[in-house]
Amino acid sequence: MAVITLKIGKLVNQNYTRIHPKLSQIVRPSSYQSSQFLEDLRDVKVKYEVTKDPVDWSFVERALPPTVVPEPVKKDKYPSGWRPQADNLKDRHYFIERTKNHMIPVYLELERRNTKKTTVIRKIQGDVFKLEKDLLAFLQKESFYPIRSQVNEFAGIIKIGGDFVNAVKYFLEKRQF
Protein backbone atom coordinates (compact mmCIF):
# COMPACT_ATOMS: atom_id res chain seq x y z
CA MET A 1 0.00 0.00 0.00
CA ALA A 2 2.79 2.42 0.88
CA VAL A 3 4.67 1.65 -2.32
CA ILE A 4 1.61 2.44 -4.45
CA THR A 5 1.00 5.65 -2.50
CA LEU A 6 4.55 6.84 -3.02
CA LYS A 7 4.46 6.03 -6.73
CA ILE A 8 1.20 7.94 -7.13
CA GLY A 9 2.65 10.85 -5.20
CA LYS A 10 5.74 10.99 -7.39
CA LEU A 11 3.69 10.72 -10.58
CA VAL A 12 1.18 13.41 -9.79
CA ASN A 13 3.28 16.05 -8.13
CA GLN A 14 5.37 16.68 -5.08
CA ASN A 15 2.47 18.68 -3.59
CA TYR A 16 0.65 15.83 -1.87
CA THR A 17 0.12 15.67 1.85
CA ARG A 18 -0.02 12.74 4.21
CA ILE A 19 -3.16 12.42 6.31
CA HIS A 20 -2.55 9.05 7.91
CA PRO A 21 0.31 6.58 7.59
CA LYS A 22 -1.91 4.25 5.55
CA LEU A 23 -3.88 6.88 3.65
CA SER A 24 -2.70 9.82 1.59
CA GLN A 25 -4.51 12.53 -0.27
CA ILE A 26 -3.44 13.56 -3.74
CA VAL A 27 -3.50 17.29 -4.30
CA ARG A 28 -4.15 18.10 -7.90
CA PRO A 29 -2.79 21.27 -9.47
CA SER A 30 -5.22 24.15 -9.22
CA SER A 31 -5.15 25.02 -12.89
CA TYR A 32 -4.45 23.41 -16.20
CA GLN A 33 -1.39 25.59 -16.74
CA SER A 34 0.28 24.44 -13.49
CA SER A 35 0.09 20.76 -14.41
CA GLN A 36 3.53 19.22 -14.79
CA PHE A 37 2.30 17.06 -17.67
CA LEU A 38 1.40 20.09 -19.76
CA GLU A 39 3.44 20.35 -22.94
CA ASP A 40 4.29 23.60 -24.65
CA LEU A 41 2.46 23.49 -27.98
CA ARG A 42 3.86 26.73 -29.39
CA ASP A 43 6.56 24.91 -31.30
CA VAL A 44 4.13 22.54 -33.05
CA LYS A 45 3.61 23.75 -36.60
CA VAL A 46 0.42 22.78 -38.39
CA LYS A 47 0.36 23.56 -42.06
CA TYR A 48 -2.84 25.21 -43.21
CA GLU A 49 -3.93 27.57 -45.91
CA VAL A 50 -6.31 30.52 -45.65
CA THR A 51 -8.65 30.92 -48.60
CA LYS A 52 -11.49 33.26 -49.47
CA ASP A 53 -12.42 31.51 -52.68
CA PRO A 54 -16.25 31.11 -52.94
CA VAL A 55 -15.84 27.74 -54.64
CA ASP A 56 -13.99 26.34 -51.63
CA TRP A 57 -16.47 27.87 -49.17
CA SER A 58 -19.43 26.31 -50.98
CA PHE A 59 -18.30 22.90 -49.73
CA VAL A 60 -18.05 24.22 -46.16
CA GLU A 61 -21.52 25.81 -46.29
CA ARG A 62 -23.02 22.51 -47.45
CA ALA A 63 -21.69 20.79 -44.33
CA LEU A 64 -23.06 23.43 -41.93
CA PRO A 65 -26.53 22.89 -40.46
CA PRO A 66 -29.23 25.34 -41.56
CA THR A 67 -29.75 28.27 -39.21
CA VAL A 68 -33.49 28.64 -39.90
CA VAL A 69 -36.19 25.98 -40.16
CA PRO A 70 -37.51 26.20 -43.72
CA GLU A 71 -41.15 26.96 -44.42
CA PRO A 72 -43.11 23.78 -45.21
CA VAL A 73 -44.16 23.17 -48.79
CA LYS A 74 -47.89 23.86 -49.29
CA LYS A 75 -49.81 20.64 -49.99
CA ASP A 76 -53.40 19.50 -49.67
CA LYS A 77 -52.50 16.58 -47.41
CA TYR A 78 -49.28 15.57 -45.68
CA PRO A 79 -48.31 11.90 -45.10
CA SER A 80 -47.65 12.50 -41.38
CA GLY A 81 -51.10 14.01 -40.78
CA TRP A 82 -49.61 17.41 -39.94
CA ARG A 83 -51.69 20.44 -40.92
CA PRO A 84 -50.39 23.97 -41.48
CA GLN A 85 -51.85 26.94 -39.67
CA ALA A 86 -54.63 28.79 -41.48
CA ASP A 87 -53.91 32.23 -42.95
CA ASN A 88 -57.21 33.92 -42.00
CA LEU A 89 -57.14 33.91 -38.18
CA LYS A 90 -57.39 37.67 -37.56
CA ASP A 91 -61.13 37.64 -36.81
CA ARG A 92 -60.73 35.16 -33.89
CA HIS A 93 -60.82 36.16 -30.21
CA TYR A 94 -57.54 34.36 -29.51
CA PHE A 95 -54.53 33.15 -31.47
CA ILE A 96 -52.00 30.39 -30.78
CA GLU A 97 -48.64 30.91 -32.42
CA ARG A 98 -46.84 27.82 -33.73
CA THR A 99 -43.36 26.88 -32.53
CA LYS A 100 -40.28 27.48 -34.65
CA ASN A 101 -40.71 23.94 -36.02
CA HIS A 102 -44.31 24.73 -37.05
CA MET A 103 -45.84 22.53 -34.33
CA ILE A 104 -48.77 23.26 -31.99
CA PRO A 105 -47.35 24.32 -28.58
CA VAL A 106 -49.20 21.82 -26.36
CA TYR A 107 -47.05 19.88 -23.89
CA LEU A 108 -47.41 17.31 -21.10
CA GLU A 109 -45.60 18.09 -17.84
CA LEU A 110 -44.93 15.18 -15.49
CA GLU A 111 -44.26 15.80 -11.79
CA ARG A 112 -43.99 13.77 -8.59
CA ARG A 113 -42.53 10.65 -10.18
CA ASN A 114 -44.92 10.87 -13.15
CA THR A 115 -48.03 10.72 -10.96
CA LYS A 116 -49.09 14.33 -11.53
CA LYS A 117 -49.82 15.09 -15.18
CA THR A 118 -50.51 18.59 -16.45
CA THR A 119 -51.32 19.68 -20.01
CA VAL A 120 -49.70 23.02 -20.87
CA ILE A 121 -50.70 25.27 -23.79
CA ARG A 122 -48.21 28.03 -24.57
CA LYS A 123 -47.88 31.00 -26.95
CA ILE A 124 -51.48 32.17 -26.54
CA GLN A 125 -52.34 35.69 -27.68
CA GLY A 126 -55.64 37.51 -27.32
CA ASP A 127 -58.46 36.49 -24.97
CA VAL A 128 -56.90 33.67 -22.94
CA PHE A 129 -60.00 33.26 -20.77
CA LYS A 130 -62.23 32.72 -23.84
CA LEU A 131 -59.88 29.95 -25.02
CA GLU A 132 -59.98 28.36 -21.56
CA LYS A 133 -63.78 28.46 -21.54
CA ASP A 134 -63.98 26.88 -25.01
CA LEU A 135 -61.41 24.21 -24.11
CA LEU A 136 -63.13 23.26 -20.85
CA ALA A 137 -66.50 23.02 -22.61
CA PHE A 138 -64.93 20.68 -25.17
CA LEU A 139 -62.99 18.57 -22.66
CA GLN A 140 -65.79 18.28 -20.10
CA LYS A 141 -67.82 16.19 -22.57
CA GLU A 142 -65.12 13.48 -22.48
CA SER A 143 -64.35 13.55 -18.74
CA PHE A 144 -66.36 12.17 -15.82
CA TYR A 145 -64.70 14.48 -13.29
CA PRO A 146 -64.52 18.27 -13.14
CA ILE A 147 -61.42 19.54 -14.93
CA ARG A 148 -59.22 22.03 -13.11
CA SER A 149 -57.34 24.68 -15.04
CA GLN A 150 -55.03 27.61 -14.41
CA VAL A 151 -54.65 30.66 -16.66
CA ASN A 152 -51.55 32.84 -16.76
CA GLU A 153 -52.74 35.75 -18.87
CA PHE A 154 -49.48 37.67 -18.67
CA ALA A 155 -47.37 34.74 -19.97
CA GLY A 156 -50.05 33.44 -22.36
CA ILE A 157 -50.18 29.97 -20.79
CA ILE A 158 -53.05 27.68 -19.82
CA LYS A 159 -52.45 24.64 -17.56
CA ILE A 160 -55.06 21.89 -17.42
CA GLY A 161 -54.89 19.14 -14.81
CA GLY A 162 -54.58 15.73 -16.48
CA ASP A 163 -53.30 14.29 -19.73
CA PHE A 164 -55.39 16.03 -22.39
CA VAL A 165 -52.61 16.69 -24.93
CA ASN A 166 -54.18 14.81 -27.84
CA ALA A 167 -57.65 16.19 -27.15
CA VAL A 168 -56.34 19.79 -27.00
CA LYS A 169 -54.34 19.31 -30.20
CA TYR A 170 -57.45 17.90 -31.89
CA PHE A 171 -59.48 20.89 -30.66
CA LEU A 172 -56.91 23.37 -32.01
CA GLU A 173 -56.44 21.57 -35.34
CA LYS A 174 -60.19 21.58 -35.99
CA ARG A 175 -60.13 25.35 -35.52
CA GLN A 176 -57.10 25.57 -37.89
CA PHE A 177 -54.65 26.84 -35.28
C-alpha atoms as a PDB file:
ATOM      1  CA  MET A   1       0.000   0.000   0.000  1.00  0.00           C
ATOM      2  CA  ALA A   2       2.791   2.420   0.883  1.00  0.00           C
ATOM      3  CA  VAL A   3       4.668   1.646  -2.324  1.00  0.00           C
ATOM      4  CA  ILE A   4       1.612   2.435  -4.448  1.00  0.00           C
ATOM      5  CA  THR A   5       1.003   5.652  -2.499  1.00  0.00           C
ATOM      6  CA  LEU A   6       4.553   6.838  -3.018  1.00  0.00           C
ATOM      7  CA  LYS A   7       4.456   6.030  -6.730  1.00  0.00           C
ATOM      8  CA  ILE A   8       1.195   7.942  -7.131  1.00  0.00           C
ATOM      9  CA  GLY A   9       2.649  10.853  -5.198  1.00  0.00           C
ATOM     10  CA  LYS A  10       5.742  10.987  -7.391  1.00  0.00           C
ATOM     11  CA  LEU A  11       3.687  10.716 -10.585  1.00  0.00           C
ATOM     12  CA  VAL A  12       1.182  13.412  -9.793  1.00  0.00           C
ATOM     13  CA  ASN A  13       3.279  16.049  -8.133  1.00  0.00           C
ATOM     14  CA  GLN A  14       5.374  16.681  -5.082  1.00  0.00           C
ATOM     15  CA  ASN A  15       2.474  18.676  -3.591  1.00  0.00           C
ATOM     16  CA  TYR A  16       0.651  15.826  -1.869  1.00  0.00           C
ATOM     17  CA  THR A  17       0.117  15.670   1.847  1.00  0.00           C
ATOM     18  CA  ARG A  18      -0.018  12.737   4.207  1.00  0.00           C
ATOM     19  CA  ILE A  19      -3.159  12.421   6.306  1.00  0.00           C
ATOM     20  CA  HIS A  20      -2.552   9.050   7.912  1.00  0.00           C
ATOM     21  CA  PRO A  21       0.312   6.581   7.586  1.00  0.00           C
ATOM     22  CA  LYS A  22      -1.913   4.249   5.552  1.00  0.00           C
ATOM     23  CA  LEU A  23      -3.880   6.882   3.645  1.00  0.00           C
ATOM     24  CA  SER A  24      -2.697   9.815   1.591  1.00  0.00           C
ATOM     25  CA  GLN A  25      -4.512  12.530  -0.274  1.00  0.00           C
ATOM     26  CA  ILE A  26      -3.435  13.557  -3.738  1.00  0.00           C
ATOM     27  CA  VAL A  27      -3.497  17.292  -4.295  1.00  0.00           C
ATOM     28  CA  ARG A  28      -4.152  18.100  -7.902  1.00  0.00           C
ATOM     29  CA  PRO A  29      -2.787  21.271  -9.468  1.00  0.00           C
ATOM     30  CA  SER A  30      -5.221  24.154  -9.215  1.00  0.00           C
ATOM     31  CA  SER A  31      -5.151  25.016 -12.887  1.00  0.00           C
ATOM     32  CA  TYR A  32      -4.453  23.411 -16.204  1.00  0.00           C
ATOM     33  CA  GLN A  33      -1.386  25.588 -16.742  1.00  0.00           C
ATOM     34  CA  SER A  34       0.278  24.444 -13.493  1.00  0.00           C
ATOM     35  CA  SER A  35       0.094  20.761 -14.408  1.00  0.00           C
ATOM     36  CA  GLN A  36       3.535  19.224 -14.795  1.00  0.00           C
ATOM     37  CA  PHE A  37       2.296  17.063 -17.673  1.00  0.00           C
ATOM     38  CA  LEU A  38       1.400  20.093 -19.760  1.00  0.00           C
ATOM     39  CA  GLU A  39       3.442  20.352 -22.942  1.00  0.00           C
ATOM     40  CA  ASP A  40       4.285  23.599 -24.653  1.00  0.00           C
ATOM     41  CA  LEU A  41       2.464  23.491 -27.984  1.00  0.00           C
ATOM     42  CA  ARG A  42       3.860  26.730 -29.387  1.00  0.00           C
ATOM     43  CA  ASP A  43       6.560  24.907 -31.300  1.00  0.00           C
ATOM     44  CA  VAL A  44       4.130  22.541 -33.045  1.00  0.00           C
ATOM     45  CA  LYS A  45       3.612  23.746 -36.595  1.00  0.00           C
ATOM     46  CA  VAL A  46       0.420  22.778 -38.388  1.00  0.00           C
ATOM     47  CA  LYS A  47       0.363  23.557 -42.064  1.00  0.00           C
ATOM     48  CA  TYR A  48      -2.839  25.213 -43.205  1.00  0.00           C
ATOM     49  CA  GLU A  49      -3.928  27.571 -45.910  1.00  0.00           C
ATOM     50  CA  VAL A  50      -6.310  30.518 -45.649  1.00  0.00           C
ATOM     51  CA  THR A  51      -8.653  30.925 -48.596  1.00  0.00           C
ATOM     52  CA  LYS A  52     -11.491  33.265 -49.469  1.00  0.00           C
ATOM     53  CA  ASP A  53     -12.424  31.508 -52.676  1.00  0.00           C
ATOM     54  CA  PRO A  54     -16.247  31.112 -52.937  1.00  0.00           C
ATOM     55  CA  VAL A  55     -15.842  27.739 -54.640  1.00  0.00           C
ATOM     56  CA  ASP A  56     -13.991  26.341 -51.631  1.00  0.00           C
ATOM     57  CA  TRP A  57     -16.469  27.874 -49.174  1.00  0.00           C
ATOM     58  CA  SER A  58     -19.435  26.313 -50.979  1.00  0.00           C
ATOM     59  CA  PHE A  59     -18.296  22.896 -49.726  1.00  0.00           C
ATOM     60  CA  VAL A  60     -18.051  24.221 -46.157  1.00  0.00           C
ATOM     61  CA  GLU A  61     -21.524  25.806 -46.289  1.00  0.00           C
ATOM     62  CA  ARG A  62     -23.020  22.513 -47.454  1.00  0.00           C
ATOM     63  CA  ALA A  63     -21.692  20.791 -44.330  1.00  0.00           C
ATOM     64  CA  LEU A  64     -23.059  23.432 -41.929  1.00  0.00           C
ATOM     65  CA  PRO A  65     -26.533  22.887 -40.456  1.00  0.00           C
ATOM     66  CA  PRO A  66     -29.233  25.338 -41.558  1.00  0.00           C
ATOM     67  CA  THR A  67     -29.755  28.274 -39.209  1.00  0.00           C
ATOM     68  CA  VAL A  68     -33.493  28.641 -39.896  1.00  0.00           C
ATOM     69  CA  VAL A  69     -36.188  25.978 -40.157  1.00  0.00           C
ATOM     70  CA  PRO A  70     -37.513  26.203 -43.720  1.00  0.00           C
ATOM     71  CA  GLU A  71     -41.153  26.956 -44.420  1.00  0.00           C
ATOM     72  CA  PRO A  72     -43.112  23.775 -45.208  1.00  0.00           C
ATOM     73  CA  VAL A  73     -44.165  23.168 -48.790  1.00  0.00           C
ATOM     74  CA  LYS A  74     -47.887  23.859 -49.289  1.00  0.00           C
ATOM     75  CA  LYS A  75     -49.810  20.638 -49.991  1.00  0.00           C
ATOM     76  CA  ASP A  76     -53.404  19.502 -49.666  1.00  0.00           C
ATOM     77  CA  LYS A  77     -52.502  16.582 -47.409  1.00  0.00           C
ATOM     78  CA  TYR A  78     -49.277  15.567 -45.680  1.00  0.00           C
ATOM     79  CA  PRO A  79     -48.314  11.896 -45.097  1.00  0.00           C
ATOM     80  CA  SER A  80     -47.654  12.499 -41.381  1.00  0.00           C
ATOM     81  CA  GLY A  81     -51.105  14.011 -40.784  1.00  0.00           C
ATOM     82  CA  TRP A  82     -49.610  17.415 -39.943  1.00  0.00           C
ATOM     83  CA  ARG A  83     -51.690  20.438 -40.916  1.00  0.00           C
ATOM     84  CA  PRO A  84     -50.386  23.969 -41.478  1.00  0.00           C
ATOM     85  CA  GLN A  85     -51.847  26.935 -39.669  1.00  0.00           C
ATOM     86  CA  ALA A  86     -54.629  28.794 -41.484  1.00  0.00           C
ATOM     87  CA  ASP A  87     -53.913  32.233 -42.950  1.00  0.00           C
ATOM     88  CA  ASN A  88     -57.213  33.922 -42.004  1.00  0.00           C
ATOM     89  CA  LEU A  89     -57.137  33.914 -38.180  1.00  0.00           C
ATOM     90  CA  LYS A  90     -57.393  37.673 -37.564  1.00  0.00           C
ATOM     91  CA  ASP A  91     -61.130  37.641 -36.810  1.00  0.00           C
ATOM     92  CA  ARG A  92     -60.732  35.164 -33.886  1.00  0.00           C
ATOM     93  CA  HIS A  93     -60.815  36.161 -30.212  1.00  0.00           C
ATOM     94  CA  TYR A  94     -57.544  34.356 -29.513  1.00  0.00           C
ATOM     95  CA  PHE A  95     -54.534  33.150 -31.471  1.00  0.00           C
ATOM     96  CA  ILE A  96     -51.998  30.389 -30.782  1.00  0.00           C
ATOM     97  CA  GLU A  97     -48.639  30.911 -32.417  1.00  0.00           C
ATOM     98  CA  ARG A  98     -46.842  27.823 -33.733  1.00  0.00           C
ATOM     99  CA  THR A  99     -43.363  26.881 -32.527  1.00  0.00           C
ATOM    100  CA  LYS A 100     -40.283  27.476 -34.654  1.00  0.00           C
ATOM    101  CA  ASN A 101     -40.707  23.940 -36.017  1.00  0.00           C
ATOM    102  CA  HIS A 102     -44.312  24.730 -37.047  1.00  0.00           C
ATOM    103  CA  MET A 103     -45.840  22.533 -34.327  1.00  0.00           C
ATOM    104  CA  ILE A 104     -48.772  23.262 -31.990  1.00  0.00           C
ATOM    105  CA  PRO A 105     -47.354  24.323 -28.577  1.00  0.00           C
ATOM    106  CA  VAL A 106     -49.198  21.818 -26.363  1.00  0.00           C
ATOM    107  CA  TYR A 107     -47.053  19.877 -23.895  1.00  0.00           C
ATOM    108  CA  LEU A 108     -47.414  17.314 -21.097  1.00  0.00           C
ATOM    109  CA  GLU A 109     -45.602  18.090 -17.838  1.00  0.00           C
ATOM    110  CA  LEU A 110     -44.931  15.177 -15.491  1.00  0.00           C
ATOM    111  CA  GLU A 111     -44.258  15.804 -11.793  1.00  0.00           C
ATOM    112  CA  ARG A 112     -43.990  13.770  -8.594  1.00  0.00           C
ATOM    113  CA  ARG A 113     -42.535  10.646 -10.182  1.00  0.00           C
ATOM    114  CA  ASN A 114     -44.918  10.872 -13.146  1.00  0.00           C
ATOM    115  CA  THR A 115     -48.032  10.718 -10.960  1.00  0.00           C
ATOM    116  CA  LYS A 116     -49.094  14.332 -11.528  1.00  0.00           C
ATOM    117  CA  LYS A 117     -49.819  15.094 -15.176  1.00  0.00           C
ATOM    118  CA  THR A 118     -50.509  18.589 -16.454  1.00  0.00           C
ATOM    119  CA  THR A 119     -51.317  19.684 -20.008  1.00  0.00           C
ATOM    120  CA  VAL A 120     -49.698  23.025 -20.867  1.00  0.00           C
ATOM    121  CA  ILE A 121     -50.702  25.267 -23.792  1.00  0.00           C
ATOM    122  CA  ARG A 122     -48.214  28.035 -24.567  1.00  0.00           C
ATOM    123  CA  LYS A 123     -47.875  30.996 -26.948  1.00  0.00           C
ATOM    124  CA  ILE A 124     -51.481  32.175 -26.541  1.00  0.00           C
ATOM    125  CA  GLN A 125     -52.344  35.688 -27.681  1.00  0.00           C
ATOM    126  CA  GLY A 126     -55.638  37.511 -27.315  1.00  0.00           C
ATOM    127  CA  ASP A 127     -58.456  36.495 -24.966  1.00  0.00           C
ATOM    128  CA  VAL A 128     -56.900  33.665 -22.941  1.00  0.00           C
ATOM    129  CA  PHE A 129     -60.004  33.256 -20.774  1.00  0.00           C
ATOM    130  CA  LYS A 130     -62.230  32.720 -23.835  1.00  0.00           C
ATOM    131  CA  LEU A 131     -59.882  29.951 -25.015  1.00  0.00           C
ATOM    132  CA  GLU A 132     -59.976  28.363 -21.563  1.00  0.00           C
ATOM    133  CA  LYS A 133     -63.780  28.464 -21.536  1.00  0.00           C
ATOM    134  CA  ASP A 134     -63.976  26.882 -25.012  1.00  0.00           C
ATOM    135  CA  LEU A 135     -61.411  24.210 -24.108  1.00  0.00           C
ATOM    136  CA  LEU A 136     -63.128  23.259 -20.847  1.00  0.00           C
ATOM    137  CA  ALA A 137     -66.504  23.022 -22.605  1.00  0.00           C
ATOM    138  CA  PHE A 138     -64.935  20.679 -25.174  1.00  0.00           C
ATOM    139  CA  LEU A 139     -62.989  18.573 -22.661  1.00  0.00           C
ATOM    140  CA  GLN A 140     -65.791  18.284 -20.104  1.00  0.00           C
ATOM    141  CA  LYS A 141     -67.815  16.186 -22.570  1.00  0.00           C
ATOM    142  CA  GLU A 142     -65.119  13.482 -22.475  1.00  0.00           C
ATOM    143  CA  SER A 143     -64.350  13.548 -18.737  1.00  0.00           C
ATOM    144  CA  PHE A 144     -66.363  12.166 -15.821  1.00  0.00           C
ATOM    145  CA  TYR A 145     -64.700  14.478 -13.290  1.00  0.00           C
ATOM    146  CA  PRO A 146     -64.517  18.265 -13.143  1.00  0.00           C
ATOM    147  CA  ILE A 147     -61.421  19.542 -14.926  1.00  0.00           C
ATOM    148  CA  ARG A 148     -59.221  22.034 -13.111  1.00  0.00           C
ATOM    149  CA  SER A 149     -57.344  24.680 -15.036  1.00  0.00           C
ATOM    150  CA  GLN A 150     -55.028  27.608 -14.410  1.00  0.00           C
ATOM    151  CA  VAL A 151     -54.647  30.663 -16.663  1.00  0.00           C
ATOM    152  CA  ASN A 152     -51.546  32.840 -16.761  1.00  0.00           C
ATOM    153  CA  GLU A 153     -52.741  35.749 -18.872  1.00  0.00           C
ATOM    154  CA  PHE A 154     -49.480  37.669 -18.675  1.00  0.00           C
ATOM    155  CA  ALA A 155     -47.367  34.740 -19.969  1.00  0.00           C
ATOM    156  CA  GLY A 156     -50.046  33.438 -22.365  1.00  0.00           C
ATOM    157  CA  ILE A 157     -50.178  29.968 -20.792  1.00  0.00           C
ATOM    158  CA  ILE A 158     -53.050  27.678 -19.820  1.00  0.00           C
ATOM    159  CA  LYS A 159     -52.449  24.645 -17.565  1.00  0.00           C
ATOM    160  CA  ILE A 160     -55.064  21.894 -17.424  1.00  0.00           C
ATOM    161  CA  GLY A 161     -54.894  19.136 -14.811  1.00  0.00           C
ATOM    162  CA  GLY A 162     -54.575  15.734 -16.475  1.00  0.00           C
ATOM    163  CA  ASP A 163     -53.305  14.289 -19.735  1.00  0.00           C
ATOM    164  CA  PHE A 164     -55.391  16.034 -22.390  1.00  0.00           C
ATOM    165  CA  VAL A 165     -52.611  16.694 -24.933  1.00  0.00           C
ATOM    166  CA  ASN A 166     -54.176  14.808 -27.835  1.00  0.00           C
ATOM    167  CA  ALA A 167     -57.647  16.194 -27.151  1.00  0.00           C
ATOM    168  CA  VAL A 168     -56.344  19.788 -26.998  1.00  0.00           C
ATOM    169  CA  LYS A 169     -54.339  19.314 -30.204  1.00  0.00           C
ATOM    170  CA  TYR A 170     -57.448  17.904 -31.887  1.00  0.00           C
ATOM    171  CA  PHE A 171     -59.481  20.892 -30.665  1.00  0.00           C
ATOM    172  CA  LEU A 172     -56.913  23.367 -32.010  1.00  0.00           C
ATOM    173  CA  GLU A 173     -56.438  21.570 -35.345  1.00  0.00           C
ATOM    174  CA  LYS A 174     -60.186  21.583 -35.986  1.00  0.00           C
ATOM    175  CA  ARG A 175     -60.134  25.354 -35.516  1.00  0.00           C
ATOM    176  CA  GLN A 176     -57.098  25.569 -37.888  1.00  0.00           C
ATOM    177  CA  PHE A 177     -54.648  26.845 -35.279  1.00  0.00           C
END
